[in-house]
Amino acid sequence: MLEDHAKLMAFFEQAEEVVGRKRLQKMVYILKKSGFDFSERYSFHFYGPYSEELSTRIEELCNLGFLVEEKEKEKGYYQYRYTLTDQGTSFLDDSKVQAPNMSEMIDKMNQKSSKFLELVSTMLFFDNFPKEEIEQKVLTVKSKQNYTDEDLEEAWLFIDEMKKH
């Protein structure tokens, strides 16, 4: 019943901490597009790929006491910090979910800004188009982000690296 929840808990266990709702959405999406078995469906949203299912599951994990969501005031807006609880770790240990090792990819994503993860996830969202068309779509739908050619090149290198997991 809670297999999809347990997969998310395994992600949080390996991440140790995720800071930011947008970052969380992008990290899970990038892992999913890299071949990890997350079932959440995504649609295109203001900040790129977004999953209502993921938001709901996170809320459920918090309500079950398996995940802590801390709300912090940060420069005029609220930032959310997520960590797995001891109760969540115990549940995960008792579950039969076999979680692949995502730690290396999580670490690589944690070294990047949320803006960069938004770029990468948006590029992956349009991955059924040719490279030039993907770049054009990204620069159109994300025009306010002012992504540079260097940003795009770095994102392509990052995507190639993630696919090698």
N, C-alpha and C. Protein backbone atom coordinates (compact mmCIF):
# COMPACT_ATOMS: atom_id res chain seq x y z
N MET A 1 0.82 -1.20 0.00
CA MET A 1 0.00 0.00 0.00
C MET A 1 0.86 1.26 0.00
N LEU A 2 1.86 1.29 0.82
CA LEU A 2 2.69 2.50 0.94
C LEU A 2 4.00 2.37 0.17
N GLU A 3 4.04 1.53 -0.87
CA GLU A 3 5.28 1.32 -1.60
C GLU A 3 5.83 2.62 -2.20
N ASP A 4 4.95 3.42 -2.81
CA ASP A 4 5.40 4.69 -3.39
C ASP A 4 5.90 5.64 -2.31
N HIS A 5 5.25 5.60 -1.16
CA HIS A 5 5.68 6.42 -0.03
C HIS A 5 7.06 5.96 0.46
N ALA A 6 7.24 4.63 0.52
CA ALA A 6 8.52 4.07 0.98
C ALA A 6 9.66 4.45 0.03
N LYS A 7 9.38 4.49 -1.27
CA LYS A 7 10.40 4.90 -2.23
C LYS A 7 10.83 6.34 -1.97
N LEU A 8 9.88 7.19 -1.66
CA LEU A 8 10.20 8.58 -1.33
C LEU A 8 10.98 8.66 -0.02
N MET A 9 10.60 7.83 0.94
CA MET A 9 11.32 7.81 2.22
C MET A 9 12.76 7.37 2.01
N ALA A 10 12.98 6.42 1.11
CA ALA A 10 14.35 5.98 0.79
C ALA A 10 15.14 7.15 0.18
N PHE A 11 14.48 7.93 -0.65
CA PHE A 11 15.11 9.12 -1.21
C PHE A 11 15.54 10.07 -0.08
N PHE A 12 14.63 10.33 0.85
CA PHE A 12 14.95 11.24 1.97
C PHE A 12 16.04 10.66 2.87
N GLU A 13 16.03 9.34 3.07
CA GLU A 13 17.07 8.73 3.89
C GLU A 13 18.44 8.95 3.24
N GLN A 14 18.51 8.78 1.93
CA GLN A 14 19.79 8.96 1.24
C GLN A 14 20.18 10.43 1.12
N ALA A 15 19.19 11.30 0.99
CA ALA A 15 19.47 12.73 0.88
C ALA A 15 19.84 13.34 2.23
N GLU A 16 19.36 12.73 3.29
CA GLU A 16 19.50 13.21 4.67
C GLU A 16 18.68 14.46 4.94
N GLU A 17 18.70 15.42 4.01
CA GLU A 17 17.93 16.65 4.16
C GLU A 17 17.71 17.24 2.78
N VAL A 18 16.51 17.77 2.55
CA VAL A 18 16.22 18.49 1.31
C VAL A 18 15.68 19.85 1.72
N VAL A 19 16.28 20.90 1.18
CA VAL A 19 15.86 22.25 1.52
C VAL A 19 15.18 22.88 0.31
N GLY A 20 13.87 23.11 0.42
CA GLY A 20 13.11 23.77 -0.62
C GLY A 20 12.14 22.85 -1.34
N ARG A 21 10.91 23.31 -1.45
CA ARG A 21 9.89 22.53 -2.15
C ARG A 21 10.21 22.40 -3.64
N LYS A 22 10.66 23.51 -4.24
CA LYS A 22 10.99 23.47 -5.66
C LYS A 22 12.15 22.49 -5.89
N ARG A 23 13.17 22.57 -5.06
CA ARG A 23 14.32 21.67 -5.18
C ARG A 23 13.86 20.20 -5.06
N LEU A 24 12.99 19.92 -4.10
CA LEU A 24 12.46 18.57 -3.91
C LEU A 24 11.77 18.07 -5.18
N GLN A 25 10.89 18.89 -5.73
CA GLN A 25 10.17 18.51 -6.95
C GLN A 25 11.15 18.20 -8.08
N LYS A 26 12.14 19.06 -8.25
CA LYS A 26 13.09 18.90 -9.36
C LYS A 26 13.98 17.68 -9.15
N MET A 27 14.43 17.45 -7.93
CA MET A 27 15.30 16.31 -7.66
C MET A 27 14.60 14.99 -7.96
N VAL A 28 13.38 14.84 -7.49
CA VAL A 28 12.64 13.59 -7.72
C VAL A 28 12.37 13.43 -9.22
N TYR A 29 12.03 14.52 -9.90
CA TYR A 29 11.78 14.44 -11.34
C TYR A 29 13.04 14.02 -12.11
N ILE A 30 14.17 14.63 -11.78
CA ILE A 30 15.42 14.30 -12.46
C ILE A 30 15.79 12.83 -12.20
N LEU A 31 15.61 12.37 -10.97
CA LEU A 31 15.87 10.96 -10.67
C LEU A 31 14.93 10.05 -11.48
N LYS A 32 13.67 10.43 -11.55
CA LYS A 32 12.70 9.66 -12.33
C LYS A 32 13.12 9.60 -13.80
N LYS A 33 13.50 10.73 -14.35
CA LYS A 33 13.91 10.78 -15.76
C LYS A 33 15.25 10.07 -15.99
N SER A 34 15.99 9.84 -14.91
CA SER A 34 17.27 9.12 -15.00
C SER A 34 17.09 7.62 -14.82
N GLY A 35 15.83 7.19 -14.67
CA GLY A 35 15.56 5.76 -14.63
C GLY A 35 15.18 5.21 -13.27
N PHE A 36 15.12 6.06 -12.24
CA PHE A 36 14.71 5.56 -10.93
C PHE A 36 13.19 5.43 -10.90
N ASP A 37 12.72 4.45 -10.14
CA ASP A 37 11.32 4.05 -10.17
C ASP A 37 10.44 4.89 -9.23
N PHE A 38 10.17 6.12 -9.65
CA PHE A 38 9.20 6.95 -8.94
C PHE A 38 7.95 7.00 -9.80
N SER A 39 6.78 6.82 -9.18
CA SER A 39 5.54 6.70 -9.95
C SER A 39 4.80 8.02 -10.15
N GLU A 40 5.23 9.07 -9.46
CA GLU A 40 4.50 10.34 -9.53
C GLU A 40 4.45 10.89 -10.96
N ARG A 41 3.26 11.34 -11.35
CA ARG A 41 3.07 11.97 -12.67
C ARG A 41 3.37 13.46 -12.54
N TYR A 42 3.97 13.99 -13.58
CA TYR A 42 4.34 15.40 -13.62
C TYR A 42 3.65 16.10 -14.78
N SER A 43 3.34 17.37 -14.57
CA SER A 43 2.87 18.24 -15.65
C SER A 43 3.73 19.49 -15.62
N PHE A 44 3.62 20.30 -16.68
CA PHE A 44 4.45 21.50 -16.72
C PHE A 44 3.76 22.60 -15.92
N HIS A 45 4.52 23.27 -15.10
CA HIS A 45 4.02 24.28 -14.17
C HIS A 45 4.92 25.51 -14.28
N PHE A 46 4.60 26.53 -13.53
CA PHE A 46 5.34 27.78 -13.57
C PHE A 46 6.85 27.59 -13.36
N TYR A 47 7.25 26.73 -12.45
CA TYR A 47 8.66 26.49 -12.17
C TYR A 47 9.19 25.24 -12.86
N GLY A 48 8.55 24.80 -13.92
CA GLY A 48 8.98 23.59 -14.61
C GLY A 48 8.13 22.41 -14.19
N PRO A 49 8.63 21.19 -14.39
CA PRO A 49 7.85 20.00 -14.04
C PRO A 49 7.43 20.01 -12.57
N TYR A 50 6.16 19.68 -12.36
CA TYR A 50 5.58 19.69 -11.00
C TYR A 50 4.64 18.50 -10.87
N SER A 51 4.67 17.87 -9.71
CA SER A 51 3.78 16.73 -9.44
C SER A 51 2.91 17.02 -8.22
N GLU A 52 1.62 17.10 -8.46
CA GLU A 52 0.65 17.23 -7.36
C GLU A 52 0.68 15.97 -6.50
N GLU A 53 0.88 14.81 -7.16
CA GLU A 53 0.95 13.54 -6.43
C GLU A 53 2.11 13.55 -5.44
N LEU A 54 3.25 14.09 -5.86
CA LEU A 54 4.41 14.17 -4.97
C LEU A 54 4.09 15.06 -3.77
N SER A 55 3.49 16.21 -4.02
CA SER A 55 3.11 17.11 -2.92
C SER A 55 2.17 16.43 -1.94
N THR A 56 1.21 15.68 -2.47
CA THR A 56 0.26 14.96 -1.62
C THR A 56 0.96 13.89 -0.79
N ARG A 57 1.84 13.12 -1.42
CA ARG A 57 2.57 12.07 -0.69
C ARG A 57 3.45 12.66 0.40
N ILE A 58 4.08 13.79 0.12
CA ILE A 58 4.93 14.44 1.12
C ILE A 58 4.07 14.86 2.32
N GLU A 59 2.91 15.43 2.03
CA GLU A 59 1.99 15.83 3.10
C GLU A 59 1.55 14.61 3.91
N GLU A 60 1.26 13.50 3.24
CA GLU A 60 0.86 12.28 3.94
C GLU A 60 1.99 11.75 4.82
N LEU A 61 3.22 11.76 4.31
CA LEU A 61 4.36 11.29 5.10
C LEU A 61 4.57 12.16 6.34
N CYS A 62 4.33 13.45 6.19
CA CYS A 62 4.42 14.36 7.35
C CYS A 62 3.32 14.04 8.36
N ASN A 63 2.09 13.83 7.86
CA ASN A 63 0.96 13.51 8.74
C ASN A 63 1.15 12.18 9.46
N LEU A 64 1.84 11.23 8.83
CA LEU A 64 2.11 9.93 9.45
C LEU A 64 3.26 9.99 10.45
N GLY A 65 3.96 11.11 10.46
CA GLY A 65 5.10 11.26 11.36
C GLY A 65 6.38 10.65 10.82
N PHE A 66 6.41 10.32 9.53
CA PHE A 66 7.60 9.72 8.91
C PHE A 66 8.57 10.77 8.37
N LEU A 67 8.06 11.97 8.15
CA LEU A 67 8.85 13.05 7.56
C LEU A 67 8.55 14.34 8.32
N VAL A 68 9.59 15.14 8.52
CA VAL A 68 9.40 16.44 9.17
C VAL A 68 9.57 17.53 8.12
N GLU A 69 8.61 18.46 8.09
CA GLU A 69 8.70 19.63 7.23
C GLU A 69 8.83 20.83 8.15
N GLU A 70 10.00 21.46 8.12
CA GLU A 70 10.23 22.66 8.92
C GLU A 70 10.12 23.88 8.03
N LYS A 71 9.35 24.85 8.49
CA LYS A 71 9.13 26.08 7.74
C LYS A 71 10.00 27.17 8.36
N GLU A 72 10.87 27.78 7.54
CA GLU A 72 11.77 28.81 8.05
C GLU A 72 11.60 30.10 7.25
N LYS A 73 11.63 31.20 7.94
CA LYS A 73 11.56 32.50 7.27
C LYS A 73 12.93 32.78 6.65
N GLU A 74 12.93 33.12 5.35
CA GLU A 74 14.18 33.34 4.62
C GLU A 74 14.02 34.53 3.68
N LYS A 75 14.60 35.65 4.02
CA LYS A 75 14.59 36.85 3.14
C LYS A 75 13.21 37.17 2.58
N GLY A 76 12.22 37.25 3.41
CA GLY A 76 10.89 37.65 2.98
C GLY A 76 10.01 36.54 2.44
N TYR A 77 10.49 35.32 2.41
CA TYR A 77 9.65 34.19 1.98
C TYR A 77 9.94 33.01 2.90
N TYR A 78 9.14 31.96 2.76
CA TYR A 78 9.33 30.78 3.60
C TYR A 78 10.06 29.69 2.83
N GLN A 79 10.99 29.07 3.50
CA GLN A 79 11.76 27.96 2.96
C GLN A 79 11.35 26.71 3.73
N TYR A 80 11.25 25.59 3.06
CA TYR A 80 10.85 24.35 3.71
C TYR A 80 12.02 23.37 3.72
N ARG A 81 12.22 22.73 4.86
CA ARG A 81 13.33 21.80 5.06
C ARG A 81 12.72 20.44 5.43
N TYR A 82 13.13 19.41 4.72
CA TYR A 82 12.57 18.07 4.93
C TYR A 82 13.62 17.09 5.43
N THR A 83 13.26 16.33 6.47
CA THR A 83 14.13 15.27 6.98
C THR A 83 13.25 14.08 7.39
N LEU A 84 13.82 12.91 7.24
CA LEU A 84 13.15 11.68 7.65
C LEU A 84 13.23 11.57 9.17
N THR A 85 12.16 11.16 9.81
CA THR A 85 12.16 10.99 11.27
C THR A 85 12.67 9.60 11.63
N ASP A 86 12.94 9.39 12.91
CA ASP A 86 13.33 8.05 13.38
C ASP A 86 12.22 7.05 13.09
N GLN A 87 10.98 7.49 13.27
CA GLN A 87 9.82 6.64 12.99
C GLN A 87 9.79 6.27 11.49
N GLY A 88 10.12 7.24 10.64
CA GLY A 88 10.18 6.98 9.20
C GLY A 88 11.29 5.99 8.85
N THR A 89 12.43 6.15 9.49
CA THR A 89 13.55 5.23 9.26
C THR A 89 13.18 3.82 9.69
N SER A 90 12.52 3.68 10.84
CA SER A 90 12.08 2.36 11.32
C SER A 90 11.09 1.72 10.35
N PHE A 91 10.13 2.53 9.89
CA PHE A 91 9.14 2.01 8.93
C PHE A 91 9.85 1.54 7.66
N LEU A 92 10.79 2.36 7.19
CA LEU A 92 11.52 2.02 5.97
C LEU A 92 12.32 0.74 6.15
N ASP A 93 12.96 0.59 7.31
CA ASP A 93 13.73 -0.63 7.59
C ASP A 93 12.82 -1.86 7.61
N ASP A 94 11.59 -1.70 8.11
CA ASP A 94 10.64 -2.82 8.19
C ASP A 94 9.97 -3.12 6.85
N SER A 95 9.97 -2.14 5.95
CA SER A 95 9.30 -2.35 4.65
C SER A 95 10.18 -3.24 3.78
N LYS A 96 9.57 -3.81 2.78
CA LYS A 96 10.29 -4.71 1.87
C LYS A 96 10.78 -3.98 0.62
N VAL A 97 10.71 -2.66 0.64
CA VAL A 97 11.11 -1.88 -0.52
C VAL A 97 12.62 -1.93 -0.70
N GLN A 98 13.03 -2.35 -1.89
CA GLN A 98 14.45 -2.38 -2.24
C GLN A 98 14.76 -1.07 -2.95
N ALA A 99 15.43 -0.17 -2.28
CA ALA A 99 15.74 1.14 -2.85
C ALA A 99 17.12 1.12 -3.49
N PRO A 100 17.21 1.56 -4.74
CA PRO A 100 18.52 1.65 -5.36
C PRO A 100 19.34 2.77 -4.72
N ASN A 101 20.63 2.72 -4.90
CA ASN A 101 21.49 3.76 -4.35
C ASN A 101 21.40 5.02 -5.22
N MET A 102 20.85 6.06 -4.66
CA MET A 102 20.69 7.34 -5.36
C MET A 102 21.64 8.39 -4.80
N SER A 103 22.42 8.02 -3.79
CA SER A 103 23.23 8.99 -3.03
C SER A 103 24.14 9.83 -3.91
N GLU A 104 24.83 9.20 -4.84
CA GLU A 104 25.77 9.94 -5.69
C GLU A 104 25.04 11.00 -6.52
N MET A 105 23.91 10.62 -7.09
CA MET A 105 23.14 11.57 -7.90
C MET A 105 22.54 12.66 -7.03
N ILE A 106 22.07 12.29 -5.85
CA ILE A 106 21.52 13.28 -4.92
C ILE A 106 22.60 14.29 -4.54
N ASP A 107 23.80 13.79 -4.24
CA ASP A 107 24.91 14.69 -3.89
C ASP A 107 25.22 15.66 -5.03
N LYS A 108 25.23 15.15 -6.26
CA LYS A 108 25.50 16.01 -7.41
C LYS A 108 24.43 17.09 -7.56
N MET A 109 23.18 16.71 -7.34
CA MET A 109 22.09 17.69 -7.45
C MET A 109 22.17 18.71 -6.32
N ASN A 110 22.56 18.26 -5.13
CA ASN A 110 22.66 19.17 -3.99
C ASN A 110 23.76 20.20 -4.17
N GLN A 111 24.71 19.93 -5.04
CA GLN A 111 25.77 20.89 -5.32
C GLN A 111 25.32 21.97 -6.29
N LYS A 112 24.15 21.82 -6.86
CA LYS A 112 23.64 22.75 -7.87
C LYS A 112 22.55 23.63 -7.26
N SER A 113 22.34 24.78 -7.88
CA SER A 113 21.29 25.70 -7.43
C SER A 113 19.91 25.20 -7.86
N SER A 114 18.88 25.69 -7.20
CA SER A 114 17.51 25.35 -7.60
C SER A 114 17.23 25.85 -9.01
N LYS A 115 17.79 27.00 -9.36
CA LYS A 115 17.61 27.56 -10.71
C LYS A 115 18.18 26.59 -11.74
N PHE A 116 19.35 26.02 -11.46
CA PHE A 116 19.96 25.06 -12.38
C PHE A 116 19.12 23.79 -12.47
N LEU A 117 18.64 23.29 -11.34
CA LEU A 117 17.80 22.09 -11.35
C LEU A 117 16.50 22.34 -12.11
N GLU A 118 16.00 23.56 -12.03
CA GLU A 118 14.80 23.94 -12.80
C GLU A 118 15.10 23.88 -14.29
N LEU A 119 16.28 24.35 -14.69
CA LEU A 119 16.69 24.29 -16.09
C LEU A 119 16.80 22.84 -16.56
N VAL A 120 17.51 22.02 -15.80
CA VAL A 120 17.71 20.62 -16.17
C VAL A 120 16.38 19.89 -16.26
N SER A 121 15.52 20.06 -15.27
CA SER A 121 14.24 19.35 -15.27
C SER A 121 13.35 19.83 -16.42
N THR A 122 13.41 21.11 -16.76
CA THR A 122 12.63 21.62 -17.89
C THR A 122 13.15 21.03 -19.20
N MET A 123 14.46 20.95 -19.34
CA MET A 123 15.04 20.33 -20.54
C MET A 123 14.61 18.87 -20.64
N LEU A 124 14.62 18.16 -19.52
CA LEU A 124 14.21 16.75 -19.51
C LEU A 124 12.72 16.60 -19.82
N PHE A 125 11.92 17.59 -19.44
CA PHE A 125 10.48 17.54 -19.70
C PHE A 125 10.22 17.52 -21.21
N PHE A 126 11.08 18.21 -21.96
CA PHE A 126 10.92 18.30 -23.42
C PHE A 126 11.83 17.33 -24.16
N ASP A 127 12.27 16.26 -23.49
CA ASP A 127 13.29 15.39 -24.07
C ASP A 127 12.84 14.57 -25.28
N ASN A 128 11.59 14.67 -25.67
CA ASN A 128 11.14 13.99 -26.88
C ASN A 128 11.35 14.86 -28.13
N PHE A 129 11.94 16.04 -27.96
CA PHE A 129 12.24 16.94 -29.07
C PHE A 129 13.74 16.94 -29.35
N PRO A 130 14.15 17.37 -30.55
CA PRO A 130 15.58 17.50 -30.84
C PRO A 130 16.23 18.57 -29.93
N LYS A 131 17.54 18.44 -29.75
CA LYS A 131 18.29 19.31 -28.83
C LYS A 131 18.03 20.80 -29.07
N GLU A 132 18.09 21.24 -30.32
CA GLU A 132 17.91 22.67 -30.63
C GLU A 132 16.51 23.14 -30.26
N GLU A 133 15.53 22.27 -30.49
CA GLU A 133 14.14 22.62 -30.17
C GLU A 133 13.94 22.67 -28.65
N ILE A 134 14.59 21.76 -27.94
CA ILE A 134 14.52 21.78 -26.47
C ILE A 134 15.05 23.11 -25.96
N GLU A 135 16.21 23.52 -26.46
CA GLU A 135 16.81 24.77 -26.01
C GLU A 135 15.89 25.95 -26.32
N GLN A 136 15.29 25.96 -27.50
CA GLN A 136 14.38 27.04 -27.88
C GLN A 136 13.17 27.09 -26.95
N LYS A 137 12.61 25.93 -26.66
CA LYS A 137 11.44 25.86 -25.77
C LYS A 137 11.81 26.37 -24.37
N VAL A 138 12.98 25.92 -23.87
CA VAL A 138 13.42 26.33 -22.54
C VAL A 138 13.61 27.85 -22.49
N LEU A 139 14.27 28.39 -23.49
CA LEU A 139 14.52 29.83 -23.51
C LEU A 139 13.23 30.62 -23.66
N THR A 140 12.21 30.00 -24.26
CA THR A 140 10.91 30.67 -24.41
C THR A 140 10.11 30.61 -23.11
N VAL A 141 9.92 29.40 -22.57
CA VAL A 141 9.08 29.26 -21.37
C VAL A 141 9.77 29.75 -20.10
N LYS A 142 11.08 29.84 -20.14
CA LYS A 142 11.86 30.28 -18.98
C LYS A 142 12.62 31.57 -19.29
N SER A 143 12.03 32.44 -20.10
CA SER A 143 12.73 33.65 -20.54
C SER A 143 13.15 34.55 -19.38
N LYS A 144 12.37 34.56 -18.31
CA LYS A 144 12.70 35.42 -17.16
C LYS A 144 13.92 34.93 -16.38
N GLN A 145 14.30 33.68 -16.59
CA GLN A 145 15.47 33.13 -15.88
C GLN A 145 16.78 33.58 -16.52
N ASN A 146 16.71 34.10 -17.75
CA ASN A 146 17.91 34.58 -18.45
C ASN A 146 19.03 33.54 -18.50
N TYR A 147 18.69 32.32 -18.88
CA TYR A 147 19.70 31.29 -19.02
C TYR A 147 20.64 31.64 -20.17
N THR A 148 21.92 31.37 -19.97
CA THR A 148 22.94 31.66 -20.99
C THR A 148 23.28 30.38 -21.76
N ASP A 149 24.04 30.54 -22.83
CA ASP A 149 24.52 29.38 -23.58
C ASP A 149 25.37 28.49 -22.67
N GLU A 150 26.13 29.11 -21.78
CA GLU A 150 26.96 28.36 -20.83
C GLU A 150 26.08 27.54 -19.89
N ASP A 151 24.97 28.13 -19.44
CA ASP A 151 24.03 27.40 -18.57
C ASP A 151 23.49 26.16 -19.30
N LEU A 152 23.11 26.35 -20.57
CA LEU A 152 22.57 25.24 -21.35
C LEU A 152 23.62 24.15 -21.53
N GLU A 153 24.84 24.55 -21.84
CA GLU A 153 25.91 23.58 -22.04
C GLU A 153 26.18 22.80 -20.75
N GLU A 154 26.22 23.51 -19.62
CA GLU A 154 26.42 22.85 -18.33
C GLU A 154 25.28 21.88 -18.03
N ALA A 155 24.05 22.28 -18.37
CA ALA A 155 22.89 21.42 -18.14
C ALA A 155 22.96 20.16 -19.00
N TRP A 156 23.39 20.28 -20.27
CA TRP A 156 23.53 19.10 -21.13
C TRP A 156 24.57 18.15 -20.56
N LEU A 157 25.68 18.68 -20.09
CA LEU A 157 26.73 17.84 -19.49
C LEU A 157 26.19 17.13 -18.25
N PHE A 158 25.43 17.86 -17.45
CA PHE A 158 24.84 17.30 -16.23
C PHE A 158 23.86 16.18 -16.59
N ILE A 159 23.03 16.40 -17.60
CA ILE A 159 22.06 15.39 -18.03
C ILE A 159 22.79 14.13 -18.50
N ASP A 160 23.84 14.31 -19.29
CA ASP A 160 24.62 13.16 -19.76
C ASP A 160 25.21 12.38 -18.59
N GLU A 161 25.70 13.10 -17.60
CA GLU A 161 26.28 12.48 -16.41
C GLU A 161 25.22 11.70 -15.63
N MET A 162 24.04 12.27 -15.51
CA MET A 162 22.96 11.63 -14.74
C MET A 162 22.49 10.35 -15.45
N LYS A 163 22.50 10.35 -16.77
CA LYS A 163 22.04 9.17 -17.52
C LYS A 163 23.01 8.00 -17.39
N LYS A 164 24.22 8.26 -16.95
CA LYS A 164 25.24 7.21 -16.83
C LYS A 164 25.14 6.47 -15.51
N HIS A 165 24.24 6.92 -14.64
CA HIS A 165 24.15 6.31 -13.30
C HIS A 165 24.07 4.83 -13.44
